[in-house]
Amino acid sequence: MSGLVRSLSRPRVPSLPGWPTLRRRLIVLCLVLAALAAGYLLWLRDSSLVAVENVTVNGAEQNPEVENTLHAAGLEQTTLHVDVAELRKAVAGDPAVRSLSARPDFPRGLTIEVDLRAPVGYLKDAGVFVAGDGVVLDDGAARRASVPAIGVEGPAGLGGGEVQGEALEAARVLGAAPTPLLATIERASVDPELGVLVELQGGLELRFGDPGEADLKWRAAAAVLAQPSFEGAAYLDLSVPDRPVAGGVEEASETTEGVESAAAETATEEGVAAAEPPVPEVVEPAPVAPEVAPDPAASGTVAPLE
């Protein structure tokens, strides 16, 4: 009797299923998961239940053709299956599109971000607009007044839809120009000795040398041009961005001080210690015969900065 009582009071431990039973259950579970995944891949993610109905295209406002093309292509997508490769394929024939990305706005939206190339120069001889990286954007178009002309000697090398040689050097410099200054540029060219030359409205010539560090050289130019005392110079040499040099200056003192101050500010912004500039040397014009009219270009000062 006591043995029966002990057996009834003892808790029963459930027995675990054997390995064959457990293996069958795992196989069934894997098959169910595979079927659900296949249903998602083959039906749900491409079904009309998650089809895109609202497309937002950012960055292509200046190019309605690209904007409309991407809008139409976006409506073919779903929020569970955004195919960026298909979007890129839709605008692959337009060189103005540098890159794009897309993100779904569940449940029915899609946002497309576009990075467009902007025309920075116009090659008159070839009749094309070019971007800052040398990519040709438009063939046979008339120059717009807001786009500077690029004047280079010899062929521009338009192979593969890109300019080369001197045209590419000029395009790289123009592509680095700040937007406010880009609107003041008349033309760009390349001199064998002075490098890339940019002529601003009013006749001031910016001498960049090679196109390297073009962004820093433009910052130095902007700092100098912002000085109220800077006037009367024929050119501004920016080949060394932290030491801009004004040439052909009519009034040496005020203009020189403005260039020195701007150079010091630019060097400080870039983390370069600005040395104390020396007193600029004023170059007197050479004497001329009384019967010969003096050439204004021969009279000027060069204001170097240390």
Protein backbone atom coordinates (compact mmCIF):
# COMPACT_ATOMS: atom_id res chain seq x y z
CA MET A 1 0.00 0.00 0.00
CA SER A 2 2.77 2.41 0.91
CA GLY A 3 4.48 1.67 -2.43
CA LEU A 4 1.31 2.61 -4.31
CA VAL A 5 1.09 5.88 -2.39
CA ARG A 6 4.67 6.73 -3.24
CA SER A 7 4.12 6.00 -6.89
CA LEU A 8 1.03 8.21 -7.03
CA SER A 9 2.77 11.14 -5.30
CA ARG A 10 5.79 11.00 -7.60
CA PRO A 11 5.47 13.55 -10.57
CA ARG A 12 5.45 12.09 -14.04
CA VAL A 13 8.23 13.31 -16.34
CA PRO A 14 7.05 13.63 -19.97
CA SER A 15 9.12 11.58 -22.32
CA LEU A 16 10.96 13.35 -25.17
CA PRO A 17 10.21 12.29 -28.72
CA GLY A 18 12.75 10.07 -30.32
CA TRP A 19 15.19 11.32 -32.96
CA PRO A 20 13.20 9.94 -35.93
CA THR A 21 10.09 11.83 -34.79
CA LEU A 22 12.05 15.03 -34.10
CA ARG A 23 13.71 14.83 -37.51
CA ARG A 24 10.37 14.50 -39.27
CA ARG A 25 9.07 17.58 -37.44
CA LEU A 26 12.12 19.62 -38.40
CA ILE A 27 11.74 18.62 -42.03
CA VAL A 28 8.09 19.66 -42.03
CA LEU A 29 8.98 23.00 -40.41
CA CYS A 30 11.69 23.69 -43.01
CA LEU A 31 9.29 22.91 -45.84
CA VAL A 32 6.70 25.30 -44.40
CA LEU A 33 9.27 28.10 -44.05
CA ALA A 34 10.53 27.48 -47.60
CA ALA A 35 6.98 27.68 -48.94
CA LEU A 36 6.38 30.97 -47.12
CA ALA A 37 9.64 32.42 -48.43
CA ALA A 38 8.82 31.32 -51.97
CA GLY A 39 5.39 32.90 -51.67
CA TYR A 40 6.99 36.16 -50.55
CA LEU A 41 9.60 36.17 -53.30
CA LEU A 42 7.32 35.06 -56.11
CA TRP A 43 4.10 36.79 -55.25
CA LEU A 44 3.76 39.14 -52.29
CA ARG A 45 6.73 41.45 -52.83
CA ASP A 46 5.73 42.03 -56.47
CA SER A 47 1.97 41.99 -55.96
CA SER A 48 -0.39 44.91 -56.41
CA LEU A 49 -1.00 44.90 -52.67
CA VAL A 50 2.29 46.78 -52.18
CA ALA A 51 2.51 48.54 -55.56
CA VAL A 52 3.96 52.08 -55.55
CA GLU A 53 1.35 54.76 -56.13
CA ASN A 54 3.19 57.93 -55.01
CA VAL A 55 6.62 58.75 -56.44
CA THR A 56 8.75 61.68 -55.25
CA VAL A 57 11.80 62.64 -57.33
CA ASN A 58 14.29 64.99 -55.65
CA GLY A 59 17.19 66.70 -57.40
CA ALA A 60 15.90 66.61 -60.98
CA GLU A 61 13.82 69.77 -60.92
CA GLN A 62 16.05 71.39 -63.57
CA ASN A 63 15.63 68.44 -65.93
CA PRO A 64 11.92 67.67 -66.47
CA GLU A 65 12.70 64.84 -68.89
CA VAL A 66 14.71 62.93 -66.28
CA GLU A 67 12.12 63.71 -63.60
CA ASN A 68 9.23 62.41 -65.71
CA THR A 69 11.14 59.29 -66.78
CA LEU A 70 11.99 58.36 -63.20
CA HIS A 71 8.45 59.08 -62.05
CA ALA A 72 7.06 56.65 -64.62
CA ALA A 73 9.70 54.02 -63.79
CA GLY A 74 8.97 54.37 -60.08
CA LEU A 75 5.32 53.48 -60.60
CA GLU A 76 6.47 50.08 -61.86
CA GLN A 77 8.06 49.30 -58.48
CA THR A 78 6.67 47.93 -55.22
CA THR A 79 7.58 49.00 -51.71
CA LEU A 80 8.79 45.47 -50.92
CA HIS A 81 10.91 45.24 -54.07
CA VAL A 82 12.65 48.48 -55.04
CA ASP A 83 14.85 47.69 -58.03
CA VAL A 84 17.37 50.55 -58.25
CA ALA A 85 19.04 48.90 -61.24
CA GLU A 86 15.82 49.26 -63.24
CA LEU A 87 15.57 52.92 -62.29
CA ARG A 88 19.14 53.54 -63.44
CA LYS A 89 18.45 51.67 -66.64
CA ALA A 90 15.53 53.98 -67.37
CA VAL A 91 17.84 57.03 -67.48
CA ALA A 92 21.04 55.32 -68.61
CA GLY A 93 20.96 57.18 -71.89
CA ASP A 94 21.03 60.62 -70.27
CA PRO A 95 24.59 61.70 -69.33
CA ALA A 96 23.18 64.39 -67.04
CA VAL A 97 22.41 61.73 -64.40
CA ARG A 98 25.52 61.17 -62.30
CA SER A 99 23.92 58.82 -59.76
CA LEU A 100 20.63 58.02 -58.05
CA SER A 101 19.25 56.14 -55.08
CA ALA A 102 15.76 55.14 -53.95
CA ARG A 103 13.99 54.22 -50.74
CA PRO A 104 10.45 52.88 -50.18
CA ASP A 105 7.90 54.80 -48.14
CA PHE A 106 5.69 51.95 -46.96
CA PRO A 107 2.99 51.12 -47.86
CA ARG A 108 2.58 52.98 -51.18
CA GLY A 109 5.34 55.56 -51.57
CA LEU A 110 8.78 55.74 -53.21
CA THR A 111 11.39 58.52 -52.95
CA ILE A 112 14.11 58.81 -55.60
CA GLU A 113 17.19 60.99 -54.98
CA VAL A 114 19.02 62.15 -58.13
CA ASP A 115 22.46 63.71 -58.50
CA LEU A 116 22.55 65.62 -61.80
CA ARG A 117 25.52 66.98 -63.67
CA ALA A 118 25.18 70.69 -64.39
CA PRO A 119 26.62 72.36 -67.52
CA VAL A 120 29.61 74.50 -66.52
CA GLY A 121 30.99 75.36 -69.94
CA TYR A 122 30.13 75.55 -73.62
CA LEU A 123 32.51 74.45 -76.37
CA LYS A 124 31.59 76.66 -79.28
CA ASP A 125 33.60 74.81 -81.95
CA ALA A 126 32.05 71.46 -80.99
CA GLY A 127 28.65 72.93 -80.10
CA VAL A 128 28.34 71.00 -76.83
CA PHE A 129 27.83 71.70 -73.15
CA VAL A 130 30.17 69.97 -70.71
CA ALA A 131 30.00 69.18 -67.02
CA GLY A 132 32.72 69.73 -64.43
CA ASP A 133 34.04 66.19 -64.92
CA GLY A 134 34.26 66.64 -68.70
CA VAL A 135 31.13 64.66 -69.61
CA VAL A 136 29.33 66.01 -72.69
CA LEU A 137 25.75 66.88 -71.77
CA ASP A 138 24.20 68.17 -74.98
CA ASP A 139 25.08 68.11 -78.67
CA GLY A 140 24.34 70.78 -81.22
CA ALA A 141 22.72 73.18 -78.75
CA ALA A 142 23.02 76.95 -78.77
CA ARG A 143 24.99 78.52 -75.95
CA ARG A 144 23.00 79.93 -73.07
CA ALA A 145 24.15 83.26 -71.68
CA SER A 146 24.46 81.82 -68.17
CA VAL A 147 27.03 79.19 -69.23
CA PRO A 148 30.65 80.34 -69.74
CA ALA A 149 32.40 79.70 -73.03
CA ILE A 150 35.44 77.40 -73.16
CA GLY A 151 38.02 78.48 -75.71
CA VAL A 152 40.80 75.98 -76.33
CA GLU A 153 43.22 75.43 -79.18
CA GLY A 154 42.95 72.21 -81.15
CA PRO A 155 40.43 69.36 -80.87
CA ALA A 156 38.61 68.82 -77.58
CA GLY A 157 38.71 65.04 -77.85
CA LEU A 158 35.04 64.10 -77.57
CA GLY A 159 35.64 60.36 -77.66
CA GLY A 160 33.35 58.36 -75.39
CA GLY A 161 31.14 61.35 -74.66
CA GLU A 162 33.84 63.18 -72.71
CA VAL A 163 36.20 66.04 -73.47
CA GLN A 164 39.93 65.64 -72.99
CA GLY A 165 43.12 67.66 -72.86
CA GLU A 166 42.84 71.41 -72.36
CA ALA A 167 39.04 71.35 -72.57
CA LEU A 168 38.95 68.92 -69.64
CA GLU A 169 41.33 71.11 -67.60
CA ALA A 170 39.11 74.15 -68.14
CA ALA A 171 35.96 72.16 -67.34
CA ARG A 172 37.45 70.90 -64.05
CA VAL A 173 38.22 74.45 -62.94
CA LEU A 174 34.77 75.72 -63.92
CA GLY A 175 33.16 72.75 -62.18
CA ALA A 176 34.74 73.77 -58.87
CA ALA A 177 33.50 77.38 -59.07
CA PRO A 178 31.04 78.48 -56.36
CA THR A 179 27.58 79.10 -57.78
CA PRO A 180 27.62 82.89 -57.11
CA LEU A 181 30.93 83.27 -58.98
CA LEU A 182 29.97 80.89 -61.79
CA ALA A 183 27.34 83.40 -62.88
CA THR A 184 30.04 86.09 -63.32
CA ILE A 185 32.35 84.05 -65.58
CA GLU A 186 32.62 85.05 -69.22
CA ARG A 187 34.99 82.43 -70.56
CA ALA A 188 37.76 80.00 -69.72
CA SER A 189 40.84 79.09 -71.72
CA VAL A 190 44.23 77.45 -71.27
CA ASP A 191 47.57 79.24 -71.73
CA PRO A 192 50.67 77.10 -72.33
CA GLU A 193 52.59 78.97 -69.61
CA LEU A 194 49.92 80.29 -67.22
CA GLY A 195 47.60 77.29 -67.23
CA VAL A 196 43.84 77.68 -66.93
CA LEU A 197 42.62 81.27 -67.28
CA VAL A 198 39.14 82.37 -66.27
CA GLU A 199 37.85 85.77 -67.34
CA LEU A 200 35.20 87.40 -65.16
CA GLN A 201 32.71 90.05 -66.14
CA GLY A 202 34.50 93.40 -66.05
CA GLY A 203 37.72 91.95 -67.46
CA LEU A 204 39.47 90.56 -64.35
CA GLU A 205 41.49 87.47 -65.24
CA LEU A 206 41.93 84.62 -62.75
CA ARG A 207 45.06 82.54 -63.32
CA PHE A 208 44.69 79.02 -61.87
CA GLY A 209 47.80 77.32 -63.19
CA ASP A 210 46.99 73.59 -63.26
CA PRO A 211 43.44 72.46 -62.33
CA GLY A 212 44.60 70.81 -59.10
CA GLU A 213 43.11 72.18 -55.85
CA ALA A 214 40.63 74.18 -57.91
CA ASP A 215 38.18 74.39 -55.02
CA LEU A 216 40.80 75.96 -52.73
CA LYS A 217 41.84 78.41 -55.46
CA TRP A 218 38.21 79.48 -55.93
CA ARG A 219 37.88 80.01 -52.18
CA ALA A 220 40.97 82.22 -52.25
CA ALA A 221 39.53 84.16 -55.21
CA ALA A 222 36.20 84.63 -53.42
CA ALA A 223 37.98 85.90 -50.30
CA VAL A 224 40.01 88.44 -52.30
CA LEU A 225 37.07 89.63 -54.41
CA ALA A 226 35.03 90.16 -51.25
CA GLN A 227 37.52 92.77 -50.01
CA PRO A 228 36.05 96.28 -50.55
CA SER A 229 39.55 97.65 -51.20
CA PHE A 230 40.29 95.20 -54.03
CA GLU A 231 40.02 97.07 -57.30
CA GLY A 232 42.11 98.09 -60.28
CA ALA A 233 43.91 94.76 -60.79
CA ALA A 234 44.21 93.23 -64.24
CA TYR A 235 44.65 89.66 -63.00
CA LEU A 236 44.72 87.53 -59.88
CA ASP A 237 47.22 84.67 -59.78
CA LEU A 238 45.78 81.75 -57.77
CA SER A 239 48.29 79.08 -58.70
CA VAL A 240 49.28 78.92 -55.02
CA PRO A 241 45.90 79.17 -53.25
CA ASP A 242 47.22 80.48 -49.92
CA ARG A 243 49.34 83.15 -51.67
CA PRO A 244 47.19 84.89 -54.30
CA VAL A 245 49.02 87.58 -56.27
CA ALA A 246 47.34 90.62 -57.81
CA GLY A 247 48.93 91.96 -60.97
CA GLY A 248 48.49 95.14 -63.03
CA VAL A 249 47.33 97.01 -59.92
CA GLU A 250 46.86 100.74 -60.38
CA GLU A 251 46.67 101.63 -56.70
CA ALA A 252 49.20 99.47 -54.93
CA SER A 253 48.58 100.11 -51.24
CA GLU A 254 44.87 99.40 -50.69
CA THR A 255 44.60 96.54 -53.17
CA THR A 256 47.76 94.87 -51.89
CA GLU A 257 46.55 95.05 -48.31
CA GLY A 258 43.23 93.52 -49.36
CA VAL A 259 44.92 90.59 -51.10
CA GLU A 260 47.20 90.00 -48.09
CA SER A 261 44.29 90.05 -45.67
CA ALA A 262 42.21 87.69 -47.81
CA ALA A 263 45.14 85.31 -48.22
CA ALA A 264 45.69 85.22 -44.46
CA GLU A 265 42.02 84.48 -43.84
CA THR A 266 41.98 81.72 -46.45
CA ALA A 267 45.13 80.14 -45.02
CA THR A 268 43.70 80.24 -41.51
CA GLU A 269 40.46 78.60 -42.63
CA GLU A 270 42.42 75.78 -44.24
CA GLY A 271 44.48 75.23 -41.09
CA VAL A 272 47.64 76.74 -42.59
CA ALA A 273 49.62 79.15 -40.43
CA ALA A 274 49.57 82.50 -42.19
CA ALA A 275 52.96 84.16 -42.09
CA GLU A 276 53.28 87.89 -41.62
CA PRO A 277 53.38 89.29 -45.17
CA PRO A 278 56.24 91.62 -46.05
CA VAL A 279 55.79 95.08 -47.45
CA PRO A 280 54.88 94.53 -51.11
CA GLU A 281 57.29 95.64 -53.76
CA VAL A 282 55.89 98.18 -56.18
CA VAL A 283 57.21 97.87 -59.70
CA GLU A 284 57.49 101.26 -61.36
CA PRO A 285 56.64 101.47 -65.07
CA ALA A 286 59.53 101.83 -67.49
CA PRO A 287 60.03 105.35 -68.96
CA VAL A 288 58.71 105.92 -72.44
CA ALA A 289 59.53 108.40 -75.16
CA PRO A 290 57.34 111.52 -75.13
CA GLU A 291 55.91 110.79 -78.55
CA VAL A 292 54.79 107.27 -77.57
CA ALA A 293 51.54 106.93 -75.61
CA PRO A 294 52.10 104.92 -72.43
CA ASP A 295 50.54 101.48 -72.39
CA PRO A 296 48.29 101.10 -69.34
CA ALA A 297 49.05 97.40 -69.24
CA ALA A 298 52.78 98.15 -68.87
CA SER A 299 52.16 100.17 -65.72
CA GLY A 300 51.19 98.15 -62.71
CA THR A 301 52.30 96.51 -59.58
CA VAL A 302 52.70 92.94 -58.61
CA ALA A 303 51.84 92.24 -55.03
CA PRO A 304 53.38 88.98 -53.85
CA LEU A 305 52.44 87.53 -50.49
CA GLU A 306 54.62 85.53 -48.23
